[in-house]
């Protein structure tokens, strides 16, 4: 089991977007170690860096968070709510990260 992504629903007037490119150097050593453990790529054709870069550019750049904060928040939420899934699933959260429900894949 692993994380696929933290996908915040963007606001219609997203003003916090950045064009910052993903870089492991922007992550703390703890966050990077946790990402390697809980958020690895599942595609043999991609590297972890390819996957994480995609997740950051597509889902993280308009959160207003740093790269470290975005990925560590995803890991923290995964650890907090992973017991809610008994199979592949999406964990749905409120805008303030409260548990809303589970959608089974």
N, C-alpha and C. Protein backbone atom coordinates (compact mmCIF):
# COMPACT_ATOMS: atom_id res chain seq x y z
N UNK A 1 0.84 -1.17 0.00
CA UNK A 1 0.00 0.00 0.00
C UNK A 1 0.89 1.24 0.00
N UNK A 2 0.40 2.26 -0.68
CA UNK A 2 1.17 3.49 -0.75
C UNK A 2 0.25 4.66 -1.09
N UNK A 3 0.81 5.83 -1.03
CA UNK A 3 0.09 7.05 -1.37
C UNK A 3 0.19 7.26 -2.87
N UNK A 4 -0.90 7.64 -3.48
CA UNK A 4 -0.81 8.10 -4.87
C UNK A 4 -0.67 9.61 -4.89
N UNK A 5 -1.44 10.31 -4.08
CA UNK A 5 -1.30 11.76 -4.09
C UNK A 5 -2.20 12.46 -3.11
N UNK A 6 -1.87 13.70 -2.88
CA UNK A 6 -2.71 14.63 -2.11
C UNK A 6 -3.23 15.61 -3.15
N UNK A 7 -4.52 15.55 -3.42
CA UNK A 7 -5.10 16.33 -4.50
C UNK A 7 -6.10 17.35 -3.98
N UNK A 8 -5.64 18.49 -3.55
CA UNK A 8 -6.58 19.51 -3.08
C UNK A 8 -7.42 20.03 -4.24
N UNK A 9 -8.68 20.31 -3.96
CA UNK A 9 -9.53 20.94 -4.97
C UNK A 9 -9.13 22.41 -5.03
N UNK A 10 -8.68 22.88 -6.20
CA UNK A 10 -8.25 24.27 -6.28
C UNK A 10 -9.43 25.22 -6.19
N UNK A 11 -9.18 26.37 -5.60
CA UNK A 11 -10.19 27.41 -5.58
C UNK A 11 -10.29 27.98 -6.99
N UNK A 12 -11.44 28.55 -7.33
CA UNK A 12 -11.61 29.08 -8.68
C UNK A 12 -10.64 30.22 -8.96
N UNK A 13 -10.25 30.95 -7.95
CA UNK A 13 -9.30 32.05 -8.14
C UNK A 13 -8.01 31.73 -7.39
N UNK A 14 -7.34 30.70 -7.84
CA UNK A 14 -6.10 30.26 -7.19
C UNK A 14 -5.02 31.31 -7.41
N UNK A 15 -4.61 31.98 -6.34
CA UNK A 15 -3.62 33.05 -6.46
C UNK A 15 -2.29 32.67 -5.83
N UNK A 16 -2.20 31.49 -5.26
CA UNK A 16 -0.97 31.07 -4.59
C UNK A 16 -0.11 30.15 -5.45
N UNK A 17 -0.37 30.08 -6.76
CA UNK A 17 0.36 29.14 -7.62
C UNK A 17 1.81 29.56 -7.80
N UNK A 18 2.65 28.55 -7.96
CA UNK A 18 4.06 28.78 -8.21
C UNK A 18 4.49 27.93 -9.40
N UNK A 19 5.55 28.32 -10.05
CA UNK A 19 6.11 27.53 -11.14
C UNK A 19 7.36 26.80 -10.66
N UNK A 20 7.55 26.78 -9.36
CA UNK A 20 8.73 26.13 -8.78
C UNK A 20 8.80 24.66 -9.19
N UNK A 21 9.95 24.24 -9.66
CA UNK A 21 10.18 22.87 -10.10
C UNK A 21 10.50 22.00 -8.89
N UNK A 22 9.98 20.77 -8.89
CA UNK A 22 10.25 19.85 -7.79
C UNK A 22 11.74 19.58 -7.66
N UNK A 23 12.20 19.55 -6.41
CA UNK A 23 13.59 19.21 -6.13
C UNK A 23 13.68 18.56 -4.77
N UNK A 24 14.34 17.41 -4.70
CA UNK A 24 14.54 16.74 -3.42
C UNK A 24 15.26 17.65 -2.42
N UNK A 25 16.04 18.59 -2.92
CA UNK A 25 16.79 19.49 -2.04
C UNK A 25 15.86 20.43 -1.26
N UNK A 26 14.61 20.53 -1.67
CA UNK A 26 13.62 21.36 -0.97
C UNK A 26 12.94 20.60 0.17
N UNK A 27 13.28 19.31 0.32
CA UNK A 27 12.64 18.46 1.32
C UNK A 27 13.57 18.22 2.50
N UNK A 28 12.99 18.10 3.68
CA UNK A 28 13.79 17.71 4.84
C UNK A 28 14.19 16.24 4.69
N UNK A 29 15.21 15.84 5.39
CA UNK A 29 15.65 14.44 5.30
C UNK A 29 14.56 13.50 5.81
N UNK A 30 13.80 13.92 6.82
CA UNK A 30 12.70 13.09 7.33
C UNK A 30 11.59 12.93 6.29
N UNK A 31 11.22 14.02 5.64
CA UNK A 31 10.17 13.96 4.63
C UNK A 31 10.61 13.07 3.47
N UNK A 32 11.84 13.23 3.01
CA UNK A 32 12.33 12.41 1.90
C UNK A 32 12.36 10.93 2.28
N UNK A 33 12.80 10.62 3.47
CA UNK A 33 12.82 9.22 3.92
C UNK A 33 11.40 8.65 3.97
N UNK A 34 10.44 9.44 4.47
CA UNK A 34 9.05 8.99 4.53
C UNK A 34 8.46 8.83 3.13
N UNK A 35 8.83 9.71 2.20
CA UNK A 35 8.33 9.60 0.82
C UNK A 35 8.83 8.31 0.18
N UNK A 36 10.08 7.98 0.42
CA UNK A 36 10.62 6.74 -0.15
C UNK A 36 9.90 5.52 0.41
N UNK A 37 9.44 5.63 1.65
CA UNK A 37 8.76 4.51 2.30
C UNK A 37 7.27 4.45 1.94
N UNK A 38 6.58 5.59 2.01
CA UNK A 38 5.12 5.60 1.87
C UNK A 38 4.60 6.10 0.53
N UNK A 39 5.46 6.78 -0.29
CA UNK A 39 4.98 7.44 -1.48
C UNK A 39 5.86 7.11 -2.69
N UNK A 40 6.20 5.83 -2.88
CA UNK A 40 7.04 5.46 -4.03
C UNK A 40 6.21 5.37 -5.31
N UNK A 41 6.88 5.48 -6.42
CA UNK A 41 6.19 5.27 -7.70
C UNK A 41 5.82 3.79 -7.83
N UNK A 42 4.72 3.53 -8.46
CA UNK A 42 4.30 2.15 -8.71
C UNK A 42 4.55 1.75 -10.16
N UNK A 43 5.03 2.69 -10.97
CA UNK A 43 5.28 2.41 -12.38
C UNK A 43 6.76 2.15 -12.58
N UNK A 44 7.08 1.00 -13.13
CA UNK A 44 8.48 0.65 -13.33
C UNK A 44 9.16 1.54 -14.36
N UNK A 45 8.38 2.21 -15.20
CA UNK A 45 8.96 3.08 -16.23
C UNK A 45 9.32 4.47 -15.69
N UNK A 46 8.90 4.78 -14.47
CA UNK A 46 9.18 6.09 -13.86
C UNK A 46 10.05 5.95 -12.63
N UNK A 47 10.80 6.99 -12.34
CA UNK A 47 11.55 7.05 -11.09
C UNK A 47 10.68 7.74 -10.05
N UNK A 48 11.08 7.62 -8.79
CA UNK A 48 10.37 8.36 -7.74
C UNK A 48 10.38 9.85 -8.06
N UNK A 49 11.53 10.37 -8.50
CA UNK A 49 11.61 11.80 -8.81
C UNK A 49 10.61 12.20 -9.90
N UNK A 50 10.45 11.35 -10.93
CA UNK A 50 9.47 11.64 -11.99
C UNK A 50 8.06 11.72 -11.39
N UNK A 51 7.73 10.76 -10.56
CA UNK A 51 6.40 10.69 -9.95
C UNK A 51 6.17 11.89 -9.03
N UNK A 52 7.12 12.15 -8.15
CA UNK A 52 6.97 13.25 -7.19
C UNK A 52 6.93 14.60 -7.91
N UNK A 53 7.70 14.73 -8.98
CA UNK A 53 7.69 15.96 -9.76
C UNK A 53 6.31 16.18 -10.37
N UNK A 54 5.71 15.11 -10.89
CA UNK A 54 4.35 15.21 -11.44
C UNK A 54 3.35 15.61 -10.36
N UNK A 55 3.42 14.94 -9.21
CA UNK A 55 2.48 15.25 -8.13
C UNK A 55 2.61 16.70 -7.69
N UNK A 56 3.85 17.18 -7.58
CA UNK A 56 4.08 18.57 -7.15
C UNK A 56 3.56 19.54 -8.21
N UNK A 57 3.93 19.33 -9.48
CA UNK A 57 3.55 20.31 -10.51
C UNK A 57 2.05 20.31 -10.77
N UNK A 58 1.41 19.14 -10.69
CA UNK A 58 -0.02 19.07 -10.98
C UNK A 58 -0.90 19.40 -9.77
N UNK A 59 -0.48 19.00 -8.58
CA UNK A 59 -1.36 19.11 -7.41
C UNK A 59 -0.82 20.00 -6.29
N UNK A 60 0.48 20.20 -6.22
CA UNK A 60 1.04 20.93 -5.10
C UNK A 60 1.31 22.41 -5.32
N UNK A 61 1.48 22.80 -6.58
CA UNK A 61 1.94 24.16 -6.85
C UNK A 61 0.92 25.25 -6.54
N UNK A 62 -0.33 24.92 -6.41
CA UNK A 62 -1.35 25.94 -6.09
C UNK A 62 -1.89 25.81 -4.67
N UNK A 63 -1.18 25.07 -3.83
CA UNK A 63 -1.64 24.90 -2.45
C UNK A 63 -1.19 26.04 -1.54
N UNK A 64 -0.19 26.81 -1.97
CA UNK A 64 0.38 27.82 -1.10
C UNK A 64 1.36 27.24 -0.10
N UNK A 65 1.64 25.94 -0.23
CA UNK A 65 2.56 25.25 0.68
C UNK A 65 3.94 25.12 0.04
N UNK A 66 4.95 24.95 0.87
CA UNK A 66 6.26 24.59 0.36
C UNK A 66 6.21 23.14 -0.08
N UNK A 67 7.22 22.71 -0.83
CA UNK A 67 7.28 21.32 -1.24
C UNK A 67 7.34 20.40 -0.02
N UNK A 68 8.15 20.76 0.95
CA UNK A 68 8.26 19.93 2.15
C UNK A 68 6.93 19.86 2.89
N UNK A 69 6.25 20.99 3.03
CA UNK A 69 4.97 21.01 3.74
C UNK A 69 3.91 20.20 2.99
N UNK A 70 3.86 20.32 1.66
CA UNK A 70 2.89 19.59 0.85
C UNK A 70 3.06 18.08 1.01
N UNK A 71 4.29 17.59 0.82
CA UNK A 71 4.51 16.15 0.89
C UNK A 71 4.40 15.62 2.32
N UNK A 72 4.88 16.38 3.29
CA UNK A 72 4.77 15.90 4.67
C UNK A 72 3.31 15.90 5.13
N UNK A 73 2.50 16.84 4.63
CA UNK A 73 1.07 16.84 4.96
C UNK A 73 0.39 15.62 4.36
N UNK A 74 0.73 15.28 3.13
CA UNK A 74 0.18 14.07 2.51
C UNK A 74 0.51 12.82 3.29
N UNK A 75 1.74 12.72 3.75
CA UNK A 75 2.17 11.57 4.54
C UNK A 75 1.46 11.54 5.89
N UNK A 76 1.35 12.67 6.53
CA UNK A 76 0.66 12.74 7.83
C UNK A 76 -0.80 12.32 7.70
N UNK A 77 -1.47 12.78 6.65
CA UNK A 77 -2.87 12.40 6.43
C UNK A 77 -2.99 10.91 6.12
N UNK A 78 -2.07 10.39 5.33
CA UNK A 78 -2.05 8.96 5.03
C UNK A 78 -1.91 8.15 6.32
N UNK A 79 -0.98 8.53 7.15
CA UNK A 79 -0.76 7.78 8.39
C UNK A 79 -1.96 7.88 9.32
N UNK A 80 -2.60 9.02 9.32
CA UNK A 80 -3.75 9.22 10.21
C UNK A 80 -4.97 8.43 9.75
N UNK A 81 -5.21 8.33 8.43
CA UNK A 81 -6.46 7.77 7.93
C UNK A 81 -6.32 6.44 7.19
N UNK A 82 -5.12 5.90 7.03
CA UNK A 82 -4.96 4.68 6.23
C UNK A 82 -5.76 3.51 6.77
N UNK A 83 -6.04 3.48 8.06
CA UNK A 83 -6.81 2.37 8.62
C UNK A 83 -8.27 2.39 8.15
N UNK A 84 -8.72 3.49 7.55
CA UNK A 84 -10.09 3.59 7.04
C UNK A 84 -10.27 2.77 5.77
N UNK A 85 -9.16 2.42 5.10
CA UNK A 85 -9.23 1.66 3.84
C UNK A 85 -8.95 0.19 4.11
N UNK A 86 -9.82 -0.66 3.61
CA UNK A 86 -9.57 -2.09 3.70
C UNK A 86 -9.15 -2.64 2.34
N UNK A 87 -9.24 -1.82 1.30
CA UNK A 87 -8.83 -2.15 -0.06
C UNK A 87 -8.38 -0.85 -0.70
N UNK A 88 -8.06 -0.87 -1.98
CA UNK A 88 -7.70 0.39 -2.65
C UNK A 88 -8.84 1.38 -2.49
N UNK A 89 -8.50 2.59 -2.11
CA UNK A 89 -9.56 3.57 -1.91
C UNK A 89 -9.03 4.99 -1.97
N UNK A 90 -9.96 5.91 -2.09
CA UNK A 90 -9.67 7.33 -1.96
C UNK A 90 -10.18 7.75 -0.59
N UNK A 91 -9.36 8.45 0.16
CA UNK A 91 -9.80 8.99 1.44
C UNK A 91 -10.20 10.44 1.18
N UNK A 92 -11.45 10.76 1.46
CA UNK A 92 -11.97 12.10 1.19
C UNK A 92 -11.96 12.91 2.48
N UNK A 93 -11.43 14.12 2.38
CA UNK A 93 -11.28 14.98 3.54
C UNK A 93 -12.01 16.30 3.33
N UNK A 94 -12.34 16.96 4.41
CA UNK A 94 -12.91 18.30 4.34
C UNK A 94 -11.78 19.28 4.04
N UNK A 95 -12.09 20.53 3.69
CA UNK A 95 -11.03 21.51 3.43
C UNK A 95 -10.06 21.72 4.60
N UNK A 96 -10.50 21.39 5.80
CA UNK A 96 -9.61 21.54 6.96
C UNK A 96 -9.01 20.19 7.37
N UNK A 97 -9.00 19.23 6.45
CA UNK A 97 -8.40 17.91 6.64
C UNK A 97 -9.14 17.02 7.63
N UNK A 98 -10.41 17.28 7.86
CA UNK A 98 -11.21 16.38 8.67
C UNK A 98 -11.69 15.22 7.80
N UNK A 99 -11.89 14.07 8.39
CA UNK A 99 -12.33 12.89 7.64
C UNK A 99 -13.75 13.06 7.16
N UNK A 100 -13.95 12.84 5.86
CA UNK A 100 -15.27 12.97 5.27
C UNK A 100 -15.84 11.63 4.84
N UNK A 101 -14.98 10.74 4.40
CA UNK A 101 -15.46 9.44 3.94
C UNK A 101 -14.43 8.75 3.09
N UNK A 102 -14.79 7.55 2.62
CA UNK A 102 -13.90 6.73 1.79
C UNK A 102 -14.64 6.36 0.53
N UNK A 103 -13.97 6.47 -0.60
CA UNK A 103 -14.48 5.97 -1.88
C UNK A 103 -13.60 4.80 -2.28
N UNK A 104 -14.20 3.64 -2.45
CA UNK A 104 -13.46 2.45 -2.84
C UNK A 104 -13.19 2.50 -4.33
N UNK A 105 -11.98 2.16 -4.72
CA UNK A 105 -11.60 2.17 -6.15
C UNK A 105 -12.30 1.06 -6.90
